[in-house]
C-alpha atoms as a PDB file:
ATOM      1  CA  MET A   1       8.325  60.112   4.911  1.00  0.00           C
ATOM      2  CA  THR A   2      10.761  58.830   7.471  1.00  0.00           C
ATOM      3  CA  GLN A   3      12.842  55.729   7.062  1.00  0.00           C
ATOM      4  CA  LYS A   4      10.955  54.127   9.934  1.00  0.00           C
ATOM      5  CA  LYS A   5       7.576  54.613   8.213  1.00  0.00           C
ATOM      6  CA  VAL A   6       8.933  53.226   4.938  1.00  0.00           C
ATOM      7  CA  THR A   7      10.176  50.161   6.777  1.00  0.00           C
ATOM      8  CA  VAL A   8       6.808  49.632   8.458  1.00  0.00           C
ATOM      9  CA  ILE A   9       4.963  49.933   5.128  1.00  0.00           C
ATOM     10  CA  LEU A  10       7.320  47.474   3.436  1.00  0.00           C
ATOM     11  CA  ILE A  11       6.933  44.943   6.256  1.00  0.00           C
ATOM     12  CA  THR A  12       3.141  45.333   6.083  1.00  0.00           C
ATOM     13  CA  LEU A  13       3.130  44.760   2.312  1.00  0.00           C
ATOM     14  CA  ILE A  14       5.314  41.680   2.697  1.00  0.00           C
ATOM     15  CA  CYS A  15       2.981  40.260   5.357  1.00  0.00           C
ATOM     16  CA  VAL A  16      -0.061  40.856   3.118  1.00  0.00           C
ATOM     17  CA  CYS A  17       1.672  39.120   0.202  1.00  0.00           C
ATOM     18  CA  ILE A  18       2.532  36.139   2.413  1.00  0.00           C
ATOM     19  CA  VAL A  19      -1.058  35.824   3.636  1.00  0.00           C
ATOM     20  CA  VAL A  20      -2.430  36.011   0.077  1.00  0.00           C
ATOM     21  CA  PHE A  21       0.127  33.491  -1.184  1.00  0.00           C
ATOM     22  CA  PHE A  22      -0.645  30.914   1.490  1.00  0.00           C
ATOM     23  CA  GLY A  23      -4.365  31.478   1.060  1.00  0.00           C
ATOM     24  CA  ILE A  24      -4.123  30.685  -2.653  1.00  0.00           C
ATOM     25  CA  THR A  25      -1.824  27.750  -1.940  1.00  0.00           C
ATOM     26  CA  ARG A  26      -4.270  26.320   0.568  1.00  0.00           C
ATOM     27  CA  LEU A  27      -7.150  26.680  -1.890  1.00  0.00           C
ATOM     28  CA  THR A  28      -5.119  24.966  -4.587  1.00  0.00           C
ATOM     29  CA  PHE A  29      -4.228  22.151  -2.188  1.00  0.00           C
ATOM     30  CA  ARG A  30      -7.850  21.605  -1.257  1.00  0.00           C
ATOM     31  CA  THR A  31      -9.012  21.415  -4.874  1.00  0.00           C
ATOM     32  CA  SER A  32      -6.071  19.632  -6.481  1.00  0.00           C
ATOM     33  CA  TYR A  33      -4.770  17.426  -3.710  1.00  0.00           C
ATOM     34  CA  ASP A  34      -7.730  16.836  -1.417  1.00  0.00           C
ATOM     35  CA  PHE A  35      -8.794  13.587  -3.023  1.00  0.00           C
ATOM     36  CA  ASP A  36     -11.461  12.381  -0.616  1.00  0.00           C
ATOM     37  CA  SER A  37     -14.657  11.054  -2.139  1.00  0.00           C
ATOM     38  CA  ASP A  38     -17.215  13.751  -2.886  1.00  0.00           C
ATOM     39  CA  SER A  39     -20.137  12.057  -1.207  1.00  0.00           C
ATOM     40  CA  THR A  40     -21.158   9.950   1.742  1.00  0.00           C
ATOM     41  CA  ILE A  41     -21.690   6.291   0.898  1.00  0.00           C
ATOM     42  CA  ARG A  42     -25.301   5.187   1.176  1.00  0.00           C
ATOM     43  CA  ASN A  43     -25.434   2.021   3.218  1.00  0.00           C
ATOM     44  CA  THR A  44     -27.744  -0.110   1.111  1.00  0.00           C
ATOM     45  CA  ASN A  45     -25.636  -3.278   1.270  1.00  0.00           C
ATOM     46  CA  PRO A  46     -24.138  -5.181   4.221  1.00  0.00           C
ATOM     47  CA  GLN A  47     -20.428  -5.015   4.942  1.00  0.00           C
ATOM     48  CA  PRO A  48     -18.477  -8.046   3.726  1.00  0.00           C
ATOM     49  CA  ALA A  49     -18.006 -10.858   6.226  1.00  0.00           C
ATOM     50  CA  MET A  50     -14.449 -11.474   7.427  1.00  0.00           C
ATOM     51  CA  THR A  51     -13.141 -14.336   5.279  1.00  0.00           C
ATOM     52  CA  ILE A  52      -9.388 -13.810   5.003  1.00  0.00           C
ATOM     53  CA  ASP A  53      -6.847 -15.898   6.881  1.00  0.00           C
ATOM     54  CA  LYS A  54      -4.616 -13.460   8.768  1.00  0.00           C
ATOM     55  CA  SER A  55      -1.813 -16.024   8.881  1.00  0.00           C
ATOM     56  CA  LYS A  56      -1.467 -16.005   5.093  1.00  0.00           C
ATOM     57  CA  GLN A  57       0.057 -13.465   2.732  1.00  0.00           C
ATOM     58  CA  TYR A  58      -2.167 -12.116  -0.038  1.00  0.00           C
ATOM     59  CA  PHE A  59      -1.106 -10.455  -3.277  1.00  0.00           C
ATOM     60  CA  ALA A  60      -3.426  -8.619  -5.649  1.00  0.00           C
ATOM     61  CA  THR A  61      -2.749  -7.788  -9.282  1.00  0.00           C
ATOM     62  CA  LEU A  62      -4.492  -4.980 -11.142  1.00  0.00           C
ATOM     63  CA  THR A  63      -4.092  -5.389 -14.890  1.00  0.00           C
ATOM     64  CA  THR A  64      -4.635  -2.043 -16.606  1.00  0.00           C
ATOM     65  CA  THR A  65      -4.494  -0.890 -20.195  1.00  0.00           C
ATOM     66  CA  LEU A  66      -0.963   0.371 -19.476  1.00  0.00           C
ATOM     67  CA  GLY A  67       0.296  -2.741 -17.685  1.00  0.00           C
ATOM     68  CA  SER A  68       0.023  -4.718 -14.460  1.00  0.00           C
ATOM     69  CA  ILE A  69       0.495  -3.596 -10.861  1.00  0.00           C
ATOM     70  CA  GLN A  70       1.128  -6.231  -8.187  1.00  0.00           C
ATOM     71  CA  ILE A  71       0.349  -5.307  -4.582  1.00  0.00           C
ATOM     72  CA  ARG A  72       1.365  -7.015  -1.357  1.00  0.00           C
ATOM     73  CA  LEU A  73      -1.511  -6.651   1.090  1.00  0.00           C
ATOM     74  CA  TYR A  74      -1.040  -5.838   4.788  1.00  0.00           C
ATOM     75  CA  THR A  75      -3.093  -8.736   6.108  1.00  0.00           C
ATOM     76  CA  LYS A  76      -1.920  -8.432   9.717  1.00  0.00           C
ATOM     77  CA  ASP A  77      -1.784  -4.642   9.989  1.00  0.00           C
ATOM     78  CA  SER A  78      -5.032  -3.775   8.162  1.00  0.00           C
ATOM     79  CA  PRO A  79      -7.217  -6.910   8.128  1.00  0.00           C
ATOM     80  CA  LEU A  80     -10.569  -5.129   7.680  1.00  0.00           C
ATOM     81  CA  ALA A  81      -9.304  -3.097   4.734  1.00  0.00           C
ATOM     82  CA  VAL A  82      -7.598  -6.096   3.139  1.00  0.00           C
ATOM     83  CA  ASN A  83     -10.712  -8.210   3.609  1.00  0.00           C
ATOM     84  CA  ASN A  84     -12.780  -5.481   1.955  1.00  0.00           C
ATOM     85  CA  PHE A  85     -10.373  -5.169  -0.990  1.00  0.00           C
ATOM     86  CA  ILE A  86     -10.280  -8.938  -1.488  1.00  0.00           C
ATOM     87  CA  HIS A  87     -14.074  -9.141  -1.265  1.00  0.00           C
ATOM     88  CA  LEU A  88     -14.377  -6.530  -4.022  1.00  0.00           C
ATOM     89  CA  ILE A  89     -11.810  -8.304  -6.186  1.00  0.00           C
ATOM     90  CA  LYS A  90     -13.560 -11.643  -5.779  1.00  0.00           C
ATOM     91  CA  SER A  91     -16.828  -9.923  -6.691  1.00  0.00           C
ATOM     92  CA  ASN A  92     -15.186  -8.666  -9.908  1.00  0.00           C
ATOM     93  CA  TYR A  93     -16.086  -5.174  -8.716  1.00  0.00           C
ATOM     94  CA  TYR A  94     -13.023  -3.415 -10.104  1.00  0.00           C
ATOM     95  CA  ALA A  95     -13.002  -5.043 -13.547  1.00  0.00           C
ATOM     96  CA  ASN A  96     -13.599  -2.551 -16.371  1.00  0.00           C
ATOM     97  CA  THR A  97     -13.481   0.477 -14.081  1.00  0.00           C
ATOM     98  CA  ASP A  98     -11.216   3.411 -14.863  1.00  0.00           C
ATOM     99  CA  ILE A  99      -8.384   5.133 -13.087  1.00  0.00           C
ATOM    100  CA  HIS A 100     -10.531   8.242 -13.044  1.00  0.00           C
ATOM    101  CA  ARG A 101      -8.181  10.701 -11.340  1.00  0.00           C
ATOM    102  CA  VAL A 102      -4.432  11.274 -11.475  1.00  0.00           C
ATOM    103  CA  VAL A 103      -2.178  13.955 -10.009  1.00  0.00           C
ATOM    104  CA  ARG A 104       1.375  13.902 -11.326  1.00  0.00           C
ATOM    105  CA  ASP A 105       4.039  13.515  -8.632  1.00  0.00           C
ATOM    106  CA  PHE A 106       1.326  12.529  -6.157  1.00  0.00           C
ATOM    107  CA  MET A 107      -1.122   9.677  -6.783  1.00  0.00           C
ATOM    108  CA  ILE A 108      -3.540   7.758  -9.001  1.00  0.00           C
ATOM    109  CA  GLN A 109      -7.142   7.054  -7.958  1.00  0.00           C
ATOM    110  CA  GLY A 110      -9.613   4.334  -8.956  1.00  0.00           C
ATOM    111  CA  GLY A 111     -12.191   1.904  -7.629  1.00  0.00           C
ATOM    112  CA  ASP A 112     -15.349   3.755  -8.650  1.00  0.00           C
ATOM    113  CA  PRO A 113     -17.640   1.941 -11.138  1.00  0.00           C
ATOM    114  CA  THR A 114     -19.266   5.273 -12.023  1.00  0.00           C
ATOM    115  CA  ASN A 115     -15.834   6.793 -12.811  1.00  0.00           C
ATOM    116  CA  SER A 116     -17.064  10.021 -11.237  1.00  0.00           C
ATOM    117  CA  GLY A 117     -15.397   9.945  -7.816  1.00  0.00           C
ATOM    118  CA  LYS A 118     -18.821   9.639  -6.183  1.00  0.00           C
ATOM    119  CA  GLY A 119     -19.540   5.918  -6.507  1.00  0.00           C
ATOM    120  CA  GLY A 120     -19.194   3.145  -3.948  1.00  0.00           C
ATOM    121  CA  PRO A 121     -20.183  -0.424  -3.064  1.00  0.00           C
ATOM    122  CA  GLY A 122     -23.312   0.477  -1.074  1.00  0.00           C
ATOM    123  CA  TYR A 123     -21.712   0.114   2.345  1.00  0.00           C
ATOM    124  CA  SER A 124     -19.127   1.959   4.407  1.00  0.00           C
ATOM    125  CA  ILE A 125     -16.451   0.792   6.817  1.00  0.00           C
ATOM    126  CA  ASN A 126     -15.307   2.798   9.816  1.00  0.00           C
ATOM    127  CA  ASP A 127     -11.718   1.621  10.094  1.00  0.00           C
ATOM    128  CA  LEU A 128      -9.575   4.684   9.497  1.00  0.00           C
ATOM    129  CA  HIS A 129      -6.059   4.711  10.899  1.00  0.00           C
ATOM    130  CA  GLN A 130      -2.769   6.177   9.817  1.00  0.00           C
ATOM    131  CA  GLY A 131      -0.556   3.743   7.952  1.00  0.00           C
ATOM    132  CA  ILE A 132       2.849   4.240   6.381  1.00  0.00           C
ATOM    133  CA  LEU A 133       2.273   6.507   3.372  1.00  0.00           C
ATOM    134  CA  ARG A 134       5.171   6.259   0.940  1.00  0.00           C
ATOM    135  CA  ARG A 135       5.787   5.679  -2.752  1.00  0.00           C
ATOM    136  CA  GLY A 136       3.729   2.671  -3.837  1.00  0.00           C
ATOM    137  CA  THR A 137       1.357   2.687  -0.855  1.00  0.00           C
ATOM    138  CA  ILE A 138      -2.265   1.777  -1.599  1.00  0.00           C
ATOM    139  CA  ALA A 139      -4.961   3.121   0.727  1.00  0.00           C
ATOM    140  CA  PHE A 140      -8.688   3.708   0.698  1.00  0.00           C
ATOM    141  CA  ILE A 141     -10.224   7.087  -0.067  1.00  0.00           C
ATOM    142  CA  LYS A 142     -12.117   8.660   2.816  1.00  0.00           C
ATOM    143  CA  THR A 143     -15.736   9.672   2.342  1.00  0.00           C
ATOM    144  CA  SER A 144     -17.150  12.881   3.745  1.00  0.00           C
ATOM    145  CA  ASN A 145     -18.188  11.143   6.980  1.00  0.00           C
ATOM    146  CA  GLY A 146     -14.724   9.654   7.558  1.00  0.00           C
ATOM    147  CA  THR A 147     -15.375   6.090   6.375  1.00  0.00           C
ATOM    148  CA  TYR A 148     -14.338   4.193   3.230  1.00  0.00           C
ATOM    149  CA  GLY A 149     -15.899   1.928   0.648  1.00  0.00           C
ATOM    150  CA  SER A 150     -14.256   0.857  -2.615  1.00  0.00           C
ATOM    151  CA  GLN A 151     -12.275   3.824  -3.940  1.00  0.00           C
ATOM    152  CA  PHE A 152      -8.526   3.672  -3.454  1.00  0.00           C
ATOM    153  CA  PHE A 153      -5.384   5.588  -4.321  1.00  0.00           C
ATOM    154  CA  ILE A 154      -1.798   4.547  -4.993  1.00  0.00           C
ATOM    155  CA  LEU A 155       0.920   7.056  -4.160  1.00  0.00           C
ATOM    156  CA  GLN A 156       3.398   7.837  -6.893  1.00  0.00           C
ATOM    157  CA  LYS A 157       5.573   9.715  -4.429  1.00  0.00           C
ATOM    158  CA  CYS A 158       5.726  10.258  -0.681  1.00  0.00           C
ATOM    159  CA  ALA A 159       3.231  12.854   0.488  1.00  0.00           C
ATOM    160  CA  PRO A 160       4.254  14.300   3.881  1.00  0.00           C
ATOM    161  CA  PHE A 161       1.640  17.057   3.521  1.00  0.00           C
ATOM    162  CA  MET A 162      -1.224  14.561   3.632  1.00  0.00           C
ATOM    163  CA  ARG A 163      -3.657  14.630   6.507  1.00  0.00           C
ATOM    164  CA  SER A 164      -3.815  11.649   8.826  1.00  0.00           C
ATOM    165  CA  GLY A 165      -6.455   8.930   8.845  1.00  0.00           C
ATOM    166  CA  TYR A 166      -5.977   7.152   5.532  1.00  0.00           C
ATOM    167  CA  THR A 167      -6.035   3.373   5.915  1.00  0.00           C
ATOM    168  CA  ALA A 168      -3.008   1.981   4.093  1.00  0.00           C
ATOM    169  CA  PHE A 169      -3.516  -1.687   3.309  1.00  0.00           C
ATOM    170  CA  GLY A 170      -0.736  -2.627   0.925  1.00  0.00           C
ATOM    171  CA  GLU A 171       2.213  -1.614  -1.214  1.00  0.00           C
ATOM    172  CA  VAL A 172       3.220  -2.078  -4.834  1.00  0.00           C
ATOM    173  CA  VAL A 173       5.916  -4.730  -5.237  1.00  0.00           C
ATOM    174  CA  GLN A 174       5.883  -4.881  -9.037  1.00  0.00           C
ATOM    175  CA  GLY A 175       4.701  -2.272 -11.497  1.00  0.00           C
ATOM    176  CA  LEU A 176       5.806   1.034 -10.011  1.00  0.00           C
ATOM    177  CA  ASP A 177       6.755   1.986 -13.546  1.00  0.00           C
ATOM    178  CA  ILE A 178       3.100   1.464 -14.501  1.00  0.00           C
ATOM    179  CA  VAL A 179       2.026   3.699 -11.605  1.00  0.00           C
ATOM    180  CA  ASP A 180       4.426   6.339 -12.957  1.00  0.00           C
ATOM    181  CA  ALA A 181       3.086   5.955 -16.492  1.00  0.00           C
ATOM    182  CA  ILE A 182      -0.490   6.394 -15.279  1.00  0.00           C
ATOM    183  CA  ALA A 183       0.338   9.342 -13.019  1.00  0.00           C
ATOM    184  CA  ASN A 184       2.267  11.081 -15.798  1.00  0.00           C
ATOM    185  CA  THR A 185      -0.427  10.670 -18.441  1.00  0.00           C
ATOM    186  CA  GLN A 186      -1.930  13.716 -20.126  1.00  0.00           C
ATOM    187  CA  THR A 187      -4.928  15.159 -18.302  1.00  0.00           C
ATOM    188  CA  LYS A 188      -7.899  17.438 -18.848  1.00  0.00           C
ATOM    189  CA  LEU A 189      -9.944  19.610 -16.500  1.00  0.00           C
ATOM    190  CA  ASP A 190     -12.202  18.040 -13.892  1.00  0.00           C
ATOM    191  CA  ALA A 191     -15.383  19.586 -12.462  1.00  0.00           C
ATOM    192  CA  TYR A 192     -13.267  21.747 -10.114  1.00  0.00           C
ATOM    193  CA  GLY A 193     -11.074  23.149 -12.874  1.00  0.00           C
ATOM    194  CA  ASN A 194      -8.044  20.982 -12.083  1.00  0.00           C
ATOM    195  CA  LEU A 195      -6.071  18.911 -14.579  1.00  0.00           C
ATOM    196  CA  THR A 196      -6.736  15.480 -13.051  1.00  0.00           C
ATOM    197  CA  VAL A 197      -8.846  13.548 -15.593  1.00  0.00           C
ATOM    198  CA  PRO A 198      -6.849  11.357 -18.026  1.00  0.00           C
ATOM    199  CA  THR A 199      -7.458  12.406 -21.638  1.00  0.00           C
ATOM    200  CA  LYS A 200      -7.442   8.741 -22.636  1.00  0.00           C
ATOM    201  CA  GLU A 201      -9.260   6.125 -20.594  1.00  0.00           C
ATOM    202  CA  ILE A 202      -7.001   4.027 -18.374  1.00  0.00           C
ATOM    203  CA  THR A 203      -9.018   0.966 -17.459  1.00  0.00           C
ATOM    204  CA  ILE A 204      -8.550  -1.807 -14.908  1.00  0.00           C
ATOM    205  CA  LEU A 205      -9.205  -4.709 -17.247  1.00  0.00           C
ATOM    206  CA  ARG A 206      -9.120  -7.467 -14.646  1.00  0.00           C
ATOM    207  CA  THR A 207      -7.924  -8.308 -11.167  1.00  0.00           C
ATOM    208  CA  ALA A 208      -6.360 -11.405  -9.641  1.00  0.00           C
ATOM    209  CA  LEU A 209      -5.381 -12.766  -6.233  1.00  0.00           C
ATOM    210  CA  GLU A 210      -2.504 -14.932  -5.029  1.00  0.00           C
ATOM    211  CA  ILE A 211      -2.297 -16.528  -1.586  1.00  0.00           C
ATOM    212  CA  HIS A 212       1.037 -17.541  -0.082  1.00  0.00           C
ATOM    213  CA  GLU A 213       1.157 -19.814   2.945  1.00  0.00           C
END
């Protein structure tokens, strides 16, 4: 066998290995890191009326079993999302729900009263736009039809590989250490075979709002 043929075979084998590697990587990304909601929200309830004052600054606090997380909400940049989040907080929607999904070095996910990743408030909002996604950003989870309801995620770290279209509506100003503690908790397998379900329940015990003039 000539040197030229050996070279061609080696290059071919390398190309095959690269294709297989990226195929597996893509599959892993889609199962482990694609954290959109599994189902389309059934619109059985009306969307919340706009009640926030865009001239004021709102802060939300999520008190979990591991500590409290305070979030500054982007009232001016994402008013529909902020209004939705505040509506759900005022309705006591998030109280006693779990952080049902975590991915270390990526994000924590909550806001589903069924704790399954498939629940929602009975309405959907079509308000997706790309916000600034960095450590501490909170944004709504997209449903399969590209809208959002109640489920949210908080980024533990920047995620430049994320697809566009997630509506960021706030950022953590106190409690990033709690986000880290939640994200780094021990996990067990989810329905897709990924280690994303906390072995011990991490519950949002209560929520609170502050309004600054």
